[in-house]
Amino acid sequence: MGVASGPIRVVVAKPGLDGHDRGAKVIARALRDAGMEVVYTGLHQTPEQIVDTAIQEDADAIGLSILSGAHDTLFAAVIELLRERDAADILVFGGGIIPEADIAPLKEKGVAAIFTPGTTMATIVDWVRENVGQPTEI
């Protein structure tokens, strides 16, 4: 994975039937305030719509907010679609109500990071900067 040229571009998405988007909007705002370009897809997105948006927007990363309990299926679908579309270099991370026992299996499937409730915005912003390869300003 190379160093991002220009601002880091992140697609923040709410897949599936989950209708609670406050957390996703807070994350999107925190990333934007940190100087990243953020595309928020809105509610009820399919994995296909999310991957299409990420490719069209030349995103460096996709952040999924999942509170519905369908995290296993939804993360796997997004990662598989990215692979099928030769876009596996787009980093996938996420957060929400995800049981501790499910985090390691999600990482094995290719999810770069999972942030559970209570994670600070600074932690998430720092993680994105460090893992997406934001060039250090001198």
N, C-alpha and C. Protein backbone atom coordinates (compact mmCIF):
# COMPACT_ATOMS: atom_id res chain seq x y z
N MET A 1 0.86 -1.18 0.00
CA MET A 1 0.00 0.00 0.00
C MET A 1 0.89 1.23 0.00
N GLY A 2 0.63 2.12 -0.93
CA GLY A 2 1.43 3.32 -1.06
C GLY A 2 0.95 4.44 -0.16
N VAL A 3 1.69 5.52 -0.21
CA VAL A 3 1.32 6.70 0.58
C VAL A 3 0.26 7.47 -0.19
N ALA A 4 -0.78 7.86 0.49
CA ALA A 4 -1.86 8.61 -0.14
C ALA A 4 -1.32 9.96 -0.62
N SER A 5 -1.68 10.32 -1.85
CA SER A 5 -1.29 11.64 -2.32
C SER A 5 -2.47 12.57 -2.09
N GLY A 6 -2.23 13.69 -1.47
CA GLY A 6 -3.33 14.57 -1.11
C GLY A 6 -4.02 14.04 0.13
N PRO A 7 -5.18 14.62 0.43
CA PRO A 7 -5.88 14.20 1.65
C PRO A 7 -6.33 12.73 1.57
N ILE A 8 -6.36 12.09 2.71
CA ILE A 8 -6.91 10.74 2.79
C ILE A 8 -8.40 10.83 2.45
N ARG A 9 -8.86 9.89 1.61
CA ARG A 9 -10.27 9.86 1.21
C ARG A 9 -10.94 8.64 1.85
N VAL A 10 -11.98 8.89 2.64
CA VAL A 10 -12.66 7.82 3.36
C VAL A 10 -14.15 7.84 3.04
N VAL A 11 -14.68 6.68 2.70
CA VAL A 11 -16.12 6.50 2.56
C VAL A 11 -16.63 5.95 3.89
N VAL A 12 -17.57 6.66 4.51
CA VAL A 12 -18.20 6.20 5.75
C VAL A 12 -19.60 5.72 5.36
N ALA A 13 -19.91 4.48 5.72
CA ALA A 13 -21.15 3.87 5.24
C ALA A 13 -21.91 3.14 6.33
N LYS A 14 -23.23 3.09 6.16
CA LYS A 14 -24.14 2.37 7.05
C LYS A 14 -24.80 1.26 6.23
N PRO A 15 -24.20 0.07 6.24
CA PRO A 15 -24.80 -1.00 5.45
C PRO A 15 -26.00 -1.64 6.13
N GLY A 16 -26.83 -2.27 5.32
CA GLY A 16 -27.92 -3.07 5.86
C GLY A 16 -29.09 -2.24 6.36
N LEU A 17 -29.86 -2.85 7.25
CA LEU A 17 -31.13 -2.28 7.68
C LEU A 17 -31.04 -1.41 8.92
N ASP A 18 -29.84 -1.30 9.48
CA ASP A 18 -29.63 -0.50 10.68
C ASP A 18 -29.97 0.96 10.39
N GLY A 19 -30.83 1.55 11.19
CA GLY A 19 -31.26 2.92 10.96
C GLY A 19 -30.63 3.96 11.86
N HIS A 20 -29.62 3.58 12.61
CA HIS A 20 -29.00 4.50 13.58
C HIS A 20 -27.71 5.05 13.00
N ASP A 21 -27.70 6.33 12.64
CA ASP A 21 -26.54 6.87 11.95
C ASP A 21 -25.79 7.95 12.72
N ARG A 22 -26.16 8.20 13.95
CA ARG A 22 -25.48 9.27 14.69
C ARG A 22 -23.98 9.01 14.82
N GLY A 23 -23.61 7.78 15.20
CA GLY A 23 -22.20 7.45 15.34
C GLY A 23 -21.43 7.62 14.04
N ALA A 24 -22.02 7.17 12.93
CA ALA A 24 -21.36 7.30 11.63
C ALA A 24 -21.14 8.77 11.29
N LYS A 25 -22.13 9.60 11.59
CA LYS A 25 -22.00 11.03 11.30
C LYS A 25 -20.93 11.68 12.18
N VAL A 26 -20.83 11.25 13.44
CA VAL A 26 -19.81 11.79 14.34
C VAL A 26 -18.42 11.41 13.82
N ILE A 27 -18.25 10.16 13.40
CA ILE A 27 -16.97 9.70 12.85
C ILE A 27 -16.64 10.49 11.58
N ALA A 28 -17.62 10.61 10.69
CA ALA A 28 -17.40 11.34 9.43
C ALA A 28 -16.94 12.77 9.72
N ARG A 29 -17.58 13.42 10.67
CA ARG A 29 -17.22 14.80 11.02
C ARG A 29 -15.81 14.86 11.61
N ALA A 30 -15.47 13.91 12.48
CA ALA A 30 -14.13 13.90 13.10
C ALA A 30 -13.05 13.71 12.04
N LEU A 31 -13.27 12.81 11.09
CA LEU A 31 -12.29 12.59 10.03
C LEU A 31 -12.17 13.83 9.14
N ARG A 32 -13.31 14.45 8.84
CA ARG A 32 -13.31 15.68 8.02
C ARG A 32 -12.58 16.80 8.75
N ASP A 33 -12.86 16.94 10.05
CA ASP A 33 -12.19 17.98 10.84
C ASP A 33 -10.69 17.75 10.92
N ALA A 34 -10.26 16.50 10.74
CA ALA A 34 -8.83 16.16 10.77
C ALA A 34 -8.18 16.35 9.40
N GLY A 35 -8.94 16.89 8.44
CA GLY A 35 -8.37 17.20 7.14
C GLY A 35 -8.56 16.14 6.07
N MET A 36 -9.36 15.12 6.36
CA MET A 36 -9.61 14.07 5.37
C MET A 36 -10.83 14.43 4.53
N GLU A 37 -10.87 13.87 3.33
CA GLU A 37 -12.05 14.02 2.49
C GLU A 37 -12.96 12.84 2.82
N VAL A 38 -14.20 13.13 3.19
CA VAL A 38 -15.12 12.09 3.64
C VAL A 38 -16.38 12.11 2.79
N VAL A 39 -16.77 10.93 2.34
CA VAL A 39 -18.05 10.76 1.66
C VAL A 39 -18.91 9.91 2.57
N TYR A 40 -20.03 10.47 3.04
CA TYR A 40 -20.95 9.69 3.87
C TYR A 40 -22.09 9.21 2.97
N THR A 41 -22.29 7.90 2.92
CA THR A 41 -23.24 7.33 1.96
C THR A 41 -24.69 7.39 2.41
N GLY A 42 -24.93 7.65 3.70
CA GLY A 42 -26.31 7.62 4.18
C GLY A 42 -26.70 6.22 4.62
N LEU A 43 -27.95 6.09 5.01
CA LEU A 43 -28.47 4.84 5.56
C LEU A 43 -28.78 3.79 4.51
N HIS A 44 -28.87 2.55 4.97
CA HIS A 44 -29.41 1.42 4.20
C HIS A 44 -28.68 1.15 2.90
N GLN A 45 -27.36 1.20 2.94
CA GLN A 45 -26.57 0.93 1.75
C GLN A 45 -26.28 -0.56 1.62
N THR A 46 -26.30 -1.06 0.40
CA THR A 46 -25.90 -2.45 0.17
C THR A 46 -24.37 -2.49 0.06
N PRO A 47 -23.77 -3.65 0.30
CA PRO A 47 -22.33 -3.75 0.08
C PRO A 47 -21.92 -3.31 -1.33
N GLU A 48 -22.74 -3.65 -2.33
CA GLU A 48 -22.45 -3.24 -3.71
C GLU A 48 -22.43 -1.73 -3.85
N GLN A 49 -23.40 -1.04 -3.26
CA GLN A 49 -23.43 0.42 -3.34
C GLN A 49 -22.22 1.03 -2.65
N ILE A 50 -21.82 0.46 -1.52
CA ILE A 50 -20.68 0.99 -0.77
C ILE A 50 -19.39 0.83 -1.59
N VAL A 51 -19.19 -0.34 -2.16
CA VAL A 51 -17.98 -0.59 -2.96
C VAL A 51 -17.98 0.29 -4.21
N ASP A 52 -19.15 0.41 -4.86
CA ASP A 52 -19.24 1.29 -6.03
C ASP A 52 -18.83 2.72 -5.67
N THR A 53 -19.35 3.22 -4.55
CA THR A 53 -19.02 4.58 -4.11
C THR A 53 -17.52 4.71 -3.84
N ALA A 54 -16.96 3.74 -3.14
CA ALA A 54 -15.53 3.80 -2.79
C ALA A 54 -14.66 3.84 -4.05
N ILE A 55 -15.01 3.04 -5.04
CA ILE A 55 -14.23 3.02 -6.28
C ILE A 55 -14.42 4.32 -7.06
N GLN A 56 -15.66 4.77 -7.18
CA GLN A 56 -15.93 6.01 -7.90
C GLN A 56 -15.25 7.21 -7.26
N GLU A 57 -15.18 7.21 -5.93
CA GLU A 57 -14.60 8.34 -5.20
C GLU A 57 -13.09 8.20 -5.00
N ASP A 58 -12.51 7.13 -5.53
CA ASP A 58 -11.08 6.87 -5.38
C ASP A 58 -10.69 6.88 -3.90
N ALA A 59 -11.49 6.18 -3.10
CA ALA A 59 -11.29 6.16 -1.64
C ALA A 59 -10.05 5.35 -1.27
N ASP A 60 -9.42 5.79 -0.18
CA ASP A 60 -8.30 5.05 0.40
C ASP A 60 -8.80 4.05 1.43
N ALA A 61 -9.97 4.32 2.01
CA ALA A 61 -10.50 3.46 3.07
C ALA A 61 -12.02 3.54 3.10
N ILE A 62 -12.61 2.48 3.65
CA ILE A 62 -14.06 2.43 3.90
C ILE A 62 -14.24 2.19 5.39
N GLY A 63 -15.05 3.03 6.02
CA GLY A 63 -15.40 2.84 7.42
C GLY A 63 -16.86 2.44 7.51
N LEU A 64 -17.13 1.25 8.02
CA LEU A 64 -18.50 0.75 8.15
C LEU A 64 -18.97 0.89 9.59
N SER A 65 -20.18 1.42 9.75
CA SER A 65 -20.80 1.50 11.07
C SER A 65 -21.94 0.50 11.09
N ILE A 66 -21.82 -0.52 11.96
CA ILE A 66 -22.81 -1.60 11.98
C ILE A 66 -23.28 -1.84 13.41
N LEU A 67 -24.56 -1.59 13.63
CA LEU A 67 -25.15 -1.82 14.95
C LEU A 67 -26.19 -2.93 14.92
N SER A 68 -26.44 -3.49 13.74
CA SER A 68 -27.56 -4.40 13.54
C SER A 68 -27.30 -5.83 13.94
N GLY A 69 -26.04 -6.19 14.18
CA GLY A 69 -25.71 -7.59 14.46
C GLY A 69 -25.32 -8.36 13.22
N ALA A 70 -25.40 -7.74 12.04
CA ALA A 70 -25.07 -8.42 10.78
C ALA A 70 -23.63 -8.12 10.34
N HIS A 71 -22.78 -7.78 11.30
CA HIS A 71 -21.42 -7.35 10.96
C HIS A 71 -20.64 -8.42 10.21
N ASP A 72 -20.78 -9.68 10.61
CA ASP A 72 -20.00 -10.74 9.97
C ASP A 72 -20.29 -10.79 8.47
N THR A 73 -21.56 -10.84 8.12
CA THR A 73 -21.98 -10.92 6.72
C THR A 73 -21.62 -9.66 5.95
N LEU A 74 -21.88 -8.50 6.54
CA LEU A 74 -21.68 -7.24 5.81
C LEU A 74 -20.21 -6.92 5.57
N PHE A 75 -19.36 -7.09 6.57
CA PHE A 75 -17.93 -6.86 6.36
C PHE A 75 -17.39 -7.82 5.30
N ALA A 76 -17.77 -9.10 5.41
CA ALA A 76 -17.29 -10.11 4.45
C ALA A 76 -17.71 -9.76 3.03
N ALA A 77 -18.96 -9.31 2.87
CA ALA A 77 -19.46 -8.97 1.53
C ALA A 77 -18.69 -7.79 0.94
N VAL A 78 -18.42 -6.76 1.73
CA VAL A 78 -17.68 -5.59 1.23
C VAL A 78 -16.27 -6.00 0.84
N ILE A 79 -15.59 -6.78 1.68
CA ILE A 79 -14.21 -7.20 1.39
C ILE A 79 -14.17 -8.07 0.14
N GLU A 80 -15.11 -8.99 0.01
CA GLU A 80 -15.15 -9.87 -1.17
C GLU A 80 -15.40 -9.06 -2.44
N LEU A 81 -16.31 -8.10 -2.39
CA LEU A 81 -16.57 -7.25 -3.57
C LEU A 81 -15.35 -6.42 -3.95
N LEU A 82 -14.64 -5.90 -2.95
CA LEU A 82 -13.42 -5.14 -3.24
C LEU A 82 -12.41 -6.04 -3.96
N ARG A 83 -12.27 -7.27 -3.50
CA ARG A 83 -11.34 -8.21 -4.16
C ARG A 83 -11.78 -8.48 -5.59
N GLU A 84 -13.08 -8.73 -5.78
CA GLU A 84 -13.60 -9.02 -7.12
C GLU A 84 -13.38 -7.86 -8.08
N ARG A 85 -13.42 -6.65 -7.56
CA ARG A 85 -13.30 -5.44 -8.40
C ARG A 85 -11.87 -4.91 -8.45
N ASP A 86 -10.89 -5.73 -8.06
CA ASP A 86 -9.47 -5.34 -8.03
C ASP A 86 -9.24 -4.07 -7.24
N ALA A 87 -9.95 -3.95 -6.12
CA ALA A 87 -9.83 -2.76 -5.27
C ALA A 87 -9.51 -3.15 -3.83
N ALA A 88 -8.83 -4.29 -3.67
CA ALA A 88 -8.52 -4.79 -2.33
C ALA A 88 -7.53 -3.89 -1.58
N ASP A 89 -6.96 -2.90 -2.28
CA ASP A 89 -6.05 -1.96 -1.62
C ASP A 89 -6.82 -0.93 -0.79
N ILE A 90 -8.14 -0.88 -0.95
CA ILE A 90 -8.97 0.02 -0.12
C ILE A 90 -9.13 -0.64 1.24
N LEU A 91 -8.63 0.03 2.27
CA LEU A 91 -8.65 -0.49 3.63
C LEU A 91 -10.07 -0.46 4.19
N VAL A 92 -10.49 -1.53 4.84
CA VAL A 92 -11.83 -1.59 5.45
C VAL A 92 -11.66 -1.63 6.97
N PHE A 93 -12.33 -0.68 7.64
CA PHE A 93 -12.36 -0.67 9.10
C PHE A 93 -13.80 -0.41 9.51
N GLY A 94 -14.07 -0.54 10.79
CA GLY A 94 -15.46 -0.32 11.19
C GLY A 94 -15.63 -0.28 12.69
N GLY A 95 -16.88 -0.10 13.04
CA GLY A 95 -17.21 -0.04 14.44
C GLY A 95 -18.68 -0.25 14.64
N GLY A 96 -19.04 -0.29 15.90
CA GLY A 96 -20.44 -0.50 16.25
C GLY A 96 -20.54 -1.48 17.41
N ILE A 97 -21.69 -2.10 17.48
CA ILE A 97 -21.94 -3.07 18.54
C ILE A 97 -21.45 -4.42 18.03
N ILE A 98 -20.18 -4.69 18.27
CA ILE A 98 -19.57 -5.91 17.75
C ILE A 98 -18.96 -6.66 18.93
N PRO A 99 -19.46 -7.88 19.21
CA PRO A 99 -18.95 -8.63 20.35
C PRO A 99 -17.45 -8.88 20.24
N GLU A 100 -16.78 -8.84 21.37
CA GLU A 100 -15.33 -9.06 21.43
C GLU A 100 -14.93 -10.35 20.71
N ALA A 101 -15.73 -11.39 20.88
CA ALA A 101 -15.41 -12.69 20.29
C ALA A 101 -15.44 -12.67 18.76
N ASP A 102 -16.12 -11.69 18.17
CA ASP A 102 -16.23 -11.62 16.71
C ASP A 102 -15.10 -10.80 16.08
N ILE A 103 -14.33 -10.08 16.87
CA ILE A 103 -13.32 -9.16 16.31
C ILE A 103 -12.19 -9.92 15.62
N ALA A 104 -11.61 -10.93 16.27
CA ALA A 104 -10.50 -11.67 15.66
C ALA A 104 -10.92 -12.34 14.34
N PRO A 105 -12.09 -13.02 14.29
CA PRO A 105 -12.50 -13.61 13.01
C PRO A 105 -12.71 -12.55 11.90
N LEU A 106 -13.21 -11.37 12.28
CA LEU A 106 -13.37 -10.31 11.27
C LEU A 106 -12.01 -9.87 10.74
N LYS A 107 -11.03 -9.74 11.62
CA LYS A 107 -9.69 -9.34 11.19
C LYS A 107 -9.08 -10.42 10.29
N GLU A 108 -9.35 -11.69 10.59
CA GLU A 108 -8.85 -12.78 9.74
C GLU A 108 -9.44 -12.68 8.34
N LYS A 109 -10.66 -12.17 8.23
CA LYS A 109 -11.30 -12.02 6.92
C LYS A 109 -10.80 -10.80 6.16
N GLY A 110 -10.03 -9.94 6.84
CA GLY A 110 -9.48 -8.79 6.13
C GLY A 110 -9.90 -7.43 6.65
N VAL A 111 -10.71 -7.38 7.72
CA VAL A 111 -11.07 -6.09 8.31
C VAL A 111 -9.84 -5.57 9.04
N ALA A 112 -9.42 -4.35 8.71
CA ALA A 112 -8.17 -3.82 9.25
C ALA A 112 -8.27 -3.46 10.73
N ALA A 113 -9.42 -2.94 11.15
CA ALA A 113 -9.59 -2.56 12.56
C ALA A 113 -11.07 -2.49 12.90
N ILE A 114 -11.37 -2.78 14.15
CA ILE A 114 -12.73 -2.66 14.69
C ILE A 114 -12.66 -1.75 15.90
N PHE A 115 -13.53 -0.75 15.92
CA PHE A 115 -13.61 0.18 17.05
C PHE A 115 -14.94 -0.03 17.75
N THR A 116 -14.88 -0.35 19.03
CA THR A 116 -16.09 -0.63 19.79
C THR A 116 -16.56 0.65 20.50
N PRO A 117 -17.78 0.63 21.02
CA PRO A 117 -18.29 1.82 21.72
C PRO A 117 -17.32 2.29 22.79
N GLY A 118 -17.16 3.60 22.88
CA GLY A 118 -16.25 4.17 23.86
C GLY A 118 -14.90 4.56 23.29
N THR A 119 -14.61 4.11 22.07
CA THR A 119 -13.35 4.49 21.44
C THR A 119 -13.38 5.99 21.17
N THR A 120 -12.30 6.68 21.46
CA THR A 120 -12.28 8.13 21.24
C THR A 120 -12.12 8.46 19.77
N MET A 121 -12.60 9.63 19.38
CA MET A 121 -12.44 10.09 18.00
C MET A 121 -10.95 10.22 17.67
N ALA A 122 -10.16 10.70 18.63
CA ALA A 122 -8.72 10.87 18.39
C ALA A 122 -8.07 9.52 18.06
N THR A 123 -8.48 8.47 18.75
CA THR A 123 -7.93 7.14 18.49
C THR A 123 -8.22 6.71 17.06
N ILE A 124 -9.46 6.93 16.61
CA ILE A 124 -9.86 6.53 15.27
C ILE A 124 -9.14 7.37 14.21
N VAL A 125 -9.10 8.68 14.41
CA VAL A 125 -8.41 9.57 13.46
C VAL A 125 -6.94 9.18 13.36
N ASP A 126 -6.29 8.97 14.50
CA ASP A 126 -4.88 8.58 14.50
C ASP A 126 -4.67 7.25 13.78
N TRP A 127 -5.55 6.30 14.03
CA TRP A 127 -5.43 4.99 13.38
C TRP A 127 -5.54 5.15 11.86
N VAL A 128 -6.51 5.92 11.40
CA VAL A 128 -6.67 6.10 9.95
C VAL A 128 -5.42 6.76 9.38
N ARG A 129 -4.94 7.81 10.02
CA ARG A 129 -3.72 8.47 9.53
C ARG A 129 -2.54 7.51 9.44
N GLU A 130 -2.35 6.70 10.48
CA GLU A 130 -1.20 5.80 10.53
C GLU A 130 -1.32 4.65 9.55
N ASN A 131 -2.53 4.15 9.34
CA ASN A 131 -2.71 2.95 8.54
C ASN A 131 -3.03 3.20 7.08
N VAL A 132 -3.50 4.37 6.76
CA VAL A 132 -3.77 4.68 5.36
C VAL A 132 -2.55 5.34 4.74
N GLY A 133 -1.58 5.71 5.55
CA GLY A 133 -0.32 6.19 5.03
C GLY A 133 -0.29 7.66 4.69
N GLN A 134 -0.96 8.45 5.52
CA GLN A 134 -0.93 9.91 5.33
C GLN A 134 0.52 10.39 5.44
N PRO A 135 1.00 11.11 4.42
CA PRO A 135 2.37 11.61 4.52
C PRO A 135 2.51 12.58 5.70
N THR A 136 3.63 12.48 6.36
CA THR A 136 3.88 13.35 7.51
C THR A 136 4.24 14.74 7.02
N GLU A 137 3.58 15.74 7.59
CA GLU A 137 3.89 17.11 7.21
C GLU A 137 5.12 17.57 7.96
N ILE A 138 5.99 18.30 7.27
CA ILE A 138 7.23 18.76 7.89
C ILE A 138 7.11 20.24 8.23
